[in-house]
Amino acid sequence: MAKNTVTDVQDNPLYHDTWKLLKKYRDVVWSLELSVQQVQKKFNIEYGKSIDDFLDSVYLAGADLAGTEIEHHAQCIQRSAQMIHLLDNAVSCLREKHKDGEELYWILYITYLSPHKPKNAMQAIQLLRPHIRDISYATYFRRRQYAIDTLSSVLWGYTSKDSIAILEKFVPDLKDDTKLIRN
């Protein structure tokens, strides 16, 4: 059953981007931390000052860093940091605002976001037990998929096609207009 659930998550376009982002989270956090440390050391060795001090002096001197290796490193670090920030904010929103937020948070945290990846599903379940009582193997996979789906809606929003049936119930006059969206 576990293999089918993983396959379902990988094959479903609704989950794909979120699942992929979650799978890379630990690596990106680690890489970001190392990149920042390496750049800081490089600046200290080459220029004898911190990055902030260096950039302040460059900007005060009116120098342009466009197209330089320094700019490239800064942009890479900034993109990675923005991705992590986006995901962290979405997870925080889910935890604070969703009716099952605390449970979903712990599933996402233990499975994808904590510094140490569980060795397998059983270890993840053991780590979840202090936070979620009576969680079984099947429940873990079902709730994990639900957590990814819910996080997807926070990250990417609902598409108009997902909302059409609900809208038609509340605003029947939209039925003719929504036929265009469906096609």
C-alpha atoms as a PDB file:
ATOM      1  CA  MET A   1       0.000   0.000   0.000  1.00  0.00           C
ATOM      2  CA  ALA A   2       2.787   2.434   0.815  1.00  0.00           C
ATOM      3  CA  LYS A   3       4.289   2.137  -2.658  1.00  0.00           C
ATOM      4  CA  ASN A   4       0.929   2.926  -4.300  1.00  0.00           C
ATOM      5  CA  THR A   5       0.509   6.021  -2.168  1.00  0.00           C
ATOM      6  CA  VAL A   6       3.961   7.308  -3.124  1.00  0.00           C
ATOM      7  CA  THR A   7       3.254   6.565  -6.783  1.00  0.00           C
ATOM      8  CA  ASP A   8      -0.103   8.347  -6.547  1.00  0.00           C
ATOM      9  CA  VAL A   9       1.561  11.449  -5.108  1.00  0.00           C
ATOM     10  CA  GLN A  10       4.275  11.433  -7.762  1.00  0.00           C
ATOM     11  CA  ASP A  11       1.855  10.947 -10.670  1.00  0.00           C
ATOM     12  CA  ASN A  12      -0.834  13.396  -9.582  1.00  0.00           C
ATOM     13  CA  PRO A  13      -0.113  16.857 -11.064  1.00  0.00           C
ATOM     14  CA  LEU A  14      -1.874  18.530  -8.122  1.00  0.00           C
ATOM     15  CA  TYR A  15       0.706  17.139  -5.709  1.00  0.00           C
ATOM     16  CA  HIS A  16       3.729  17.018  -7.993  1.00  0.00           C
ATOM     17  CA  ASP A  17       5.240  20.469  -7.415  1.00  0.00           C
ATOM     18  CA  THR A  18       4.573  20.454  -3.682  1.00  0.00           C
ATOM     19  CA  TRP A  19       5.850  16.906  -3.245  1.00  0.00           C
ATOM     20  CA  LYS A  20       8.978  17.720  -5.256  1.00  0.00           C
ATOM     21  CA  LEU A  21       9.554  20.870  -3.199  1.00  0.00           C
ATOM     22  CA  LEU A  22       9.145  18.955   0.058  1.00  0.00           C
ATOM     23  CA  LYS A  23      11.488  16.177  -1.097  1.00  0.00           C
ATOM     24  CA  LYS A  24      14.229  18.750  -1.792  1.00  0.00           C
ATOM     25  CA  TYR A  25      13.669  20.869   1.337  1.00  0.00           C
ATOM     26  CA  ARG A  26      16.394  19.326   3.526  1.00  0.00           C
ATOM     27  CA  ASP A  27      18.943  19.412   0.712  1.00  0.00           C
ATOM     28  CA  VAL A  28      18.167  23.041  -0.120  1.00  0.00           C
ATOM     29  CA  VAL A  29      18.382  24.113   3.528  1.00  0.00           C
ATOM     30  CA  TRP A  30      21.718  22.306   3.886  1.00  0.00           C
ATOM     31  CA  SER A  31      23.069  23.695   0.613  1.00  0.00           C
ATOM     32  CA  LEU A  32      21.917  27.204   1.490  1.00  0.00           C
ATOM     33  CA  GLU A  33      23.621  27.042   4.857  1.00  0.00           C
ATOM     34  CA  LEU A  34      26.858  25.808   3.284  1.00  0.00           C
ATOM     35  CA  SER A  35      26.730  28.398   0.481  1.00  0.00           C
ATOM     36  CA  VAL A  36      26.292  31.254   2.917  1.00  0.00           C
ATOM     37  CA  GLN A  37      29.183  29.987   5.055  1.00  0.00           C
ATOM     38  CA  GLN A  38      31.432  29.541   2.000  1.00  0.00           C
ATOM     39  CA  VAL A  39      30.669  32.987   0.635  1.00  0.00           C
ATOM     40  CA  GLN A  40      31.246  34.538   4.070  1.00  0.00           C
ATOM     41  CA  LYS A  41      34.623  32.777   4.396  1.00  0.00           C
ATOM     42  CA  LYS A  42      35.612  33.748   0.856  1.00  0.00           C
ATOM     43  CA  PHE A  43      34.838  37.409   1.535  1.00  0.00           C
ATOM     44  CA  ASN A  44      36.698  37.328   4.806  1.00  0.00           C
ATOM     45  CA  ILE A  45      39.781  35.782   3.180  1.00  0.00           C
ATOM     46  CA  GLU A  46      39.762  37.856  -0.024  1.00  0.00           C
ATOM     47  CA  TYR A  47      38.597  41.214   1.296  1.00  0.00           C
ATOM     48  CA  GLY A  48      39.233  41.053   5.029  1.00  0.00           C
ATOM     49  CA  LYS A  49      35.657  42.045   5.822  1.00  0.00           C
ATOM     50  CA  SER A  50      32.139  40.668   6.068  1.00  0.00           C
ATOM     51  CA  ILE A  51      29.818  40.508   3.078  1.00  0.00           C
ATOM     52  CA  ASP A  52      27.679  43.326   4.480  1.00  0.00           C
ATOM     53  CA  ASP A  53      30.703  45.567   5.006  1.00  0.00           C
ATOM     54  CA  PHE A  54      32.009  44.721   1.527  1.00  0.00           C
ATOM     55  CA  LEU A  55      28.672  45.438  -0.164  1.00  0.00           C
ATOM     56  CA  ASP A  56      28.282  48.693   1.768  1.00  0.00           C
ATOM     57  CA  SER A  57      31.695  49.866   0.570  1.00  0.00           C
ATOM     58  CA  VAL A  58      30.990  48.764  -3.037  1.00  0.00           C
ATOM     59  CA  TYR A  59      27.659  50.573  -3.121  1.00  0.00           C
ATOM     60  CA  LEU A  60      29.133  53.691  -1.501  1.00  0.00           C
ATOM     61  CA  ALA A  61      31.856  53.687  -4.155  1.00  0.00           C
ATOM     62  CA  GLY A  62      29.173  53.397  -6.853  1.00  0.00           C
ATOM     63  CA  ALA A  63      30.517  50.131  -8.253  1.00  0.00           C
ATOM     64  CA  ASP A  64      28.256  47.904 -10.324  1.00  0.00           C
ATOM     65  CA  LEU A  65      28.297  44.185  -9.517  1.00  0.00           C
ATOM     66  CA  ALA A  66      26.054  43.218 -12.450  1.00  0.00           C
ATOM     67  CA  GLY A  67      27.269  40.102 -14.235  1.00  0.00           C
ATOM     68  CA  THR A  68      29.943  39.288 -11.663  1.00  0.00           C
ATOM     69  CA  GLU A  69      30.469  36.039  -9.799  1.00  0.00           C
ATOM     70  CA  ILE A  70      29.499  37.880  -6.613  1.00  0.00           C
ATOM     71  CA  GLU A  71      26.136  38.822  -8.122  1.00  0.00           C
ATOM     72  CA  HIS A  72      25.569  35.249  -9.338  1.00  0.00           C
ATOM     73  CA  HIS A  73      26.263  33.782  -5.871  1.00  0.00           C
ATOM     74  CA  ALA A  74      24.022  36.362  -4.231  1.00  0.00           C
ATOM     75  CA  GLN A  75      21.170  35.616  -6.651  1.00  0.00           C
ATOM     76  CA  CYS A  76      21.459  31.840  -6.130  1.00  0.00           C
ATOM     77  CA  ILE A  77      21.441  32.235  -2.368  1.00  0.00           C
ATOM     78  CA  GLN A  78      18.537  34.674  -2.566  1.00  0.00           C
ATOM     79  CA  ARG A  79      16.427  32.313  -4.745  1.00  0.00           C
ATOM     80  CA  SER A  80      17.035  29.384  -2.425  1.00  0.00           C
ATOM     81  CA  ALA A  81      16.252  31.488   0.629  1.00  0.00           C
ATOM     82  CA  GLN A  82      13.043  32.737  -0.987  1.00  0.00           C
ATOM     83  CA  MET A  83      11.944  29.178  -1.773  1.00  0.00           C
ATOM     84  CA  ILE A  84      12.575  28.092   1.818  1.00  0.00           C
ATOM     85  CA  HIS A  85      10.800  31.203   3.126  1.00  0.00           C
ATOM     86  CA  LEU A  86       7.794  30.556   0.865  1.00  0.00           C
ATOM     87  CA  LEU A  87       7.480  26.965   2.015  1.00  0.00           C
ATOM     88  CA  ASP A  88       8.021  27.822   5.695  1.00  0.00           C
ATOM     89  CA  ASN A  89       5.326  30.515   5.536  1.00  0.00           C
ATOM     90  CA  ALA A  90       2.875  28.165   3.818  1.00  0.00           C
ATOM     91  CA  VAL A  91       3.484  25.465   6.444  1.00  0.00           C
ATOM     92  CA  SER A  92       3.024  28.036   9.240  1.00  0.00           C
ATOM     93  CA  CYS A  93      -0.226  29.239   7.674  1.00  0.00           C
ATOM     94  CA  LEU A  94      -1.462  25.661   7.363  1.00  0.00           C
ATOM     95  CA  ARG A  95      -0.545  24.961  10.996  1.00  0.00           C
ATOM     96  CA  GLU A  96      -2.221  28.088  12.359  1.00  0.00           C
ATOM     97  CA  LYS A  97      -5.331  28.360  10.168  1.00  0.00           C
ATOM     98  CA  HIS A  98      -6.395  24.884   9.001  1.00  0.00           C
ATOM     99  CA  LYS A  99      -8.811  22.841  11.111  1.00  0.00           C
ATOM    100  CA  ASP A 100      -6.324  19.918  11.140  1.00  0.00           C
ATOM    101  CA  GLY A 101      -3.309  22.200  11.011  1.00  0.00           C
ATOM    102  CA  GLU A 102      -1.387  20.890  13.997  1.00  0.00           C
ATOM    103  CA  GLU A 103      -1.620  17.273  12.861  1.00  0.00           C
ATOM    104  CA  LEU A 104      -0.750  18.138   9.254  1.00  0.00           C
ATOM    105  CA  TYR A 105       2.169  20.256  10.426  1.00  0.00           C
ATOM    106  CA  TRP A 106       3.697  17.381  12.387  1.00  0.00           C
ATOM    107  CA  ILE A 107       3.302  14.973   9.475  1.00  0.00           C
ATOM    108  CA  LEU A 108       5.012  17.412   7.114  1.00  0.00           C
ATOM    109  CA  TYR A 109       7.676  18.348   9.654  1.00  0.00           C
ATOM    110  CA  ILE A 110       8.679  14.801  10.587  1.00  0.00           C
ATOM    111  CA  THR A 111       8.462  13.489   7.022  1.00  0.00           C
ATOM    112  CA  TYR A 112      10.057  16.349   5.072  1.00  0.00           C
ATOM    113  CA  LEU A 113      11.134  19.390   7.081  1.00  0.00           C
ATOM    114  CA  SER A 114      12.988  18.242  10.194  1.00  0.00           C
ATOM    115  CA  PRO A 115      16.797  18.312   9.991  1.00  0.00           C
ATOM    116  CA  HIS A 116      16.991  14.512  10.234  1.00  0.00           C
ATOM    117  CA  LYS A 117      15.055  12.391   7.759  1.00  0.00           C
ATOM    118  CA  PRO A 118      13.340   9.325   9.233  1.00  0.00           C
ATOM    119  CA  LYS A 119      14.856   6.077   7.957  1.00  0.00           C
ATOM    120  CA  ASN A 120      11.460   4.723   6.934  1.00  0.00           C
ATOM    121  CA  ALA A 121       7.717   5.101   7.461  1.00  0.00           C
ATOM    122  CA  MET A 122       7.750   3.176  10.735  1.00  0.00           C
ATOM    123  CA  GLN A 123      10.337   5.523  12.231  1.00  0.00           C
ATOM    124  CA  ALA A 124       8.289   8.518  11.035  1.00  0.00           C
ATOM    125  CA  ILE A 125       5.209   7.039  12.721  1.00  0.00           C
ATOM    126  CA  GLN A 126       7.157   6.526  15.960  1.00  0.00           C
ATOM    127  CA  LEU A 127       8.297  10.153  15.865  1.00  0.00           C
ATOM    128  CA  LEU A 128       4.709  11.261  15.223  1.00  0.00           C
ATOM    129  CA  ARG A 129       3.157   9.327  18.117  1.00  0.00           C
ATOM    130  CA  PRO A 130       3.820  12.022  20.766  1.00  0.00           C
ATOM    131  CA  HIS A 131       1.928  14.475  18.525  1.00  0.00           C
ATOM    132  CA  ILE A 132      -0.726  12.250  16.908  1.00  0.00           C
ATOM    133  CA  ARG A 133      -2.283   9.488  18.964  1.00  0.00           C
ATOM    134  CA  ASP A 134      -3.136   6.132  17.438  1.00  0.00           C
ATOM    135  CA  ILE A 135      -1.569   6.726  14.037  1.00  0.00           C
ATOM    136  CA  SER A 136      -1.314   3.526  12.014  1.00  0.00           C
ATOM    137  CA  TYR A 137       0.759   2.749   8.951  1.00  0.00           C
ATOM    138  CA  ALA A 138      -2.212   3.200   6.588  1.00  0.00           C
ATOM    139  CA  THR A 139      -3.369   6.347   8.373  1.00  0.00           C
ATOM    140  CA  TYR A 140       0.111   7.834   8.098  1.00  0.00           C
ATOM    141  CA  PHE A 141       0.167   7.482   4.296  1.00  0.00           C
ATOM    142  CA  ARG A 142      -3.406   8.699   3.911  1.00  0.00           C
ATOM    143  CA  ARG A 143      -2.824  11.727   6.148  1.00  0.00           C
ATOM    144  CA  ARG A 144       0.532  12.460   4.504  1.00  0.00           C
ATOM    145  CA  GLN A 145      -1.170  12.669   1.116  1.00  0.00           C
ATOM    146  CA  TYR A 146      -3.861  14.893   2.640  1.00  0.00           C
ATOM    147  CA  ALA A 147      -1.151  17.117   4.177  1.00  0.00           C
ATOM    148  CA  ILE A 148       0.559  17.508   0.797  1.00  0.00           C
ATOM    149  CA  ASP A 149      -2.773  18.273  -0.886  1.00  0.00           C
ATOM    150  CA  THR A 150      -3.627  20.864   1.742  1.00  0.00           C
ATOM    151  CA  LEU A 151      -0.178  22.444   1.553  1.00  0.00           C
ATOM    152  CA  SER A 152      -0.567  22.560  -2.244  1.00  0.00           C
ATOM    153  CA  SER A 153      -3.719  24.608  -1.862  1.00  0.00           C
ATOM    154  CA  VAL A 154      -1.883  27.037   0.437  1.00  0.00           C
ATOM    155  CA  LEU A 155       1.112  27.323  -1.900  1.00  0.00           C
ATOM    156  CA  TRP A 156      -0.573  27.399  -5.276  1.00  0.00           C
ATOM    157  CA  GLY A 157      -4.235  28.167  -4.490  1.00  0.00           C
ATOM    158  CA  TYR A 158      -7.277  26.476  -5.939  1.00  0.00           C
ATOM    159  CA  THR A 159      -7.734  26.533  -9.670  1.00  0.00           C
ATOM    160  CA  SER A 160     -10.949  27.865 -11.113  1.00  0.00           C
ATOM    161  CA  LYS A 161     -11.819  24.383 -12.428  1.00  0.00           C
ATOM    162  CA  ASP A 162     -11.671  23.036  -8.873  1.00  0.00           C
ATOM    163  CA  SER A 163     -14.131  25.687  -7.709  1.00  0.00           C
ATOM    164  CA  ILE A 164     -16.711  25.593 -10.510  1.00  0.00           C
ATOM    165  CA  ALA A 165     -19.065  23.033  -8.952  1.00  0.00           C
ATOM    166  CA  ILE A 166     -19.100  24.937  -5.668  1.00  0.00           C
ATOM    167  CA  LEU A 167     -19.686  28.263  -7.392  1.00  0.00           C
ATOM    168  CA  GLU A 168     -22.584  26.867  -9.445  1.00  0.00           C
ATOM    169  CA  LYS A 169     -24.365  25.763  -6.255  1.00  0.00           C
ATOM    170  CA  PHE A 170     -24.205  29.236  -4.759  1.00  0.00           C
ATOM    171  CA  VAL A 171     -24.608  31.259  -7.957  1.00  0.00           C
ATOM    172  CA  PRO A 172     -26.784  29.256 -10.380  1.00  0.00           C
ATOM    173  CA  ASP A 173     -26.634  32.047 -12.993  1.00  0.00           C
ATOM    174  CA  LEU A 174     -22.968  31.185 -13.567  1.00  0.00           C
ATOM    175  CA  LYS A 175     -23.754  27.754 -15.085  1.00  0.00           C
ATOM    176  CA  ASP A 176     -23.632  29.054 -18.660  1.00  0.00           C
ATOM    177  CA  ASP A 177     -20.450  31.056 -18.031  1.00  0.00           C
ATOM    178  CA  THR A 178     -18.632  28.157 -16.381  1.00  0.00           C
ATOM    179  CA  LYS A 179     -19.177  25.878 -19.386  1.00  0.00           C
ATOM    180  CA  LEU A 180     -16.553  27.986 -21.147  1.00  0.00           C
ATOM    181  CA  ILE A 181     -14.036  27.452 -18.337  1.00  0.00           C
ATOM    182  CA  ARG A 182     -14.518  23.674 -18.346  1.00  0.00           C
ATOM    183  CA  ASN A 183     -13.748  23.362 -22.035  1.00  0.00           C
END
